[in-house]
């Protein structure tokens, strides 16, 4: 076919001519698009022609005309910034300020452009840190790879940021895999070797993920490196082992006996590790701190049969704390020098003692509460607060109040309630202190202690109706203890009730006004729209009922109070009784759902306060 050259030439010519219109159209479109693109970018400087960042996802690339304009504006702004900045330090400061304003794309483009002419490692670190704080581990690793491709050399801080971010990641499984991979790659890097800070962060990531195999494989590699474990290393190991023993997911399918064996094995491993810690500490090769000591102490708490003296001995040996559980005559204000003896006077220990803080105090109160050693707990509390200037948080105040409640120490509870800072003082704290007085009802000082707690609550700016009602119940007493047989005994009793009503009156007035009870009574309209509002009003009305009952009890006895006091008492009683009666009537107009939910909430609160 087409053996003749002329025929072949004719056939090729006809095929070319038949396709010419289509080809011309395609060429015309391509030429017009290229011309348009050239025209659009002719006024854009070199910053616009820079390649798109490799870490930019497809969704962020300019795909529409508006995206293209935004990209051009961004590139123009970055170019103007770089015209005024040529120092990497100044660039890093600008990147930090830009990220603080949540303008990540601008900061990324600026760092990429600046990296063409200078080493901007600090700026890259800011970018990676921004991604790690936002729990974007994969994006941070992509930044690390992009940083290397652009000729930037990561430093130790770069990997520290990544490893610490992995230790705090909300995706522990992914974090431990990535951190171990990066750590092992660092060990093979001739330029940059991992340090102990990197190792500790990776160990924390392994502990959060519960990957003990990865953790111990890293520890085995210490023999091949020049790294020596420090206090943070041992703390991470102890915390990881304790977490594995407490993890319900790993032991929920095991029997009770297997769980006990697992806990016992964990404690033995930690004790062996602690022997190494103490040996290095006594030689002066290791500095211990509160976190390490408390980590070991909480490991011992895994065993329910642990004696309190085991942890107290641990605290005394490592922190030089007195043994207040042994010497009942020891004074809590005895000063103890936190510094160790000089090497000349002791050849066994050359490192300083650990300084106790809130963690230590919490550990000691926990073990002393279990052992019911209230007096020892008070001494440790006063000693640590006075000697080491520790400022307790809300959790510590609650722990100490619970210890005092257990020991029926109403006087100490009153002193503690007065010492609670107003920002931390909650109504629950004062209820707990008054509940301590309830347990200490046989003490003759109990009414005075309860009154002091109410004064402390008023000084802190708290008006809790439930606490005030509990105080009135304490003042009245229960059973036959306060049933005087003659008038001589009734008079001081009624005088005490009148004083209690007078003390409660002003807090009640403030509480009733805060919930709008007086306005509700005057208008006779139940301005209650939700359960929480009803609960607050109902608590105030409950306190009013208690006050009405006490006032009526006093009024039944003649010549107990002077005429002026009785008149004031009667006026207040009438006002309180009116509020109670009107609210009881208005309560019938409320939806049953609000009242039913309130009953459930009240029942749960009463169960919480049962001791």
Foldseek 3Di string as FASTA:
>chain_A
DCPDVVVVVVVVVVVCVVCVVVVVVVVVVVVVVVVVVCVVCVPQDPLLVDDDQPLDDPVQPDDDPVSSVVSSVLSVVLVVVVVVDLDLVVLLVVLLVCVVVVNLVSLVSNVLVNLLPDANQSSLLSSLLSCLVVLNLVSSVVSVVSCVVSVHDHAQSSLLSLLLSQLVHPPLVVSLVVLLVVQVVQCVDPPHHHAQSSLLSSLSSCLVVLNVVSNVVSVVCVVVDPYDDAQSNLLSVLSSLLCNLVPCVVPVPPDPVVSVVSLVVSLVVNVVVVVVVLQCQQQVNYAYAQSSLLSNLVSLVVDVPRALVVSVVSCCVQQVDDDCVVDVPDALQDADDQFDDDCVVDVRGHYTGYQDEQSSLVSNLVNCLVVLVLSSNVSPVSNNCVHVVYDYALVSLVSNLVSLLSVLPLQVLLVSLLVDALVSDDPVSLLSSLSSLVVVLVDPCSLVSLLSSLVSCVVSVHLFLVSLLSSLDSLLDDDPPQDDPDDVSVLVSLVSNLVSLVSNVVSLVVLCVVLVLVVCLVVLAPPDDALVSVLSNVSSLVSLVSLLVSLVVSVVDPPSDDPVSNVVSVVSSVVSVSSNVSVVVNVVVDDPVSVVVSVVVVVVVVVVSDD
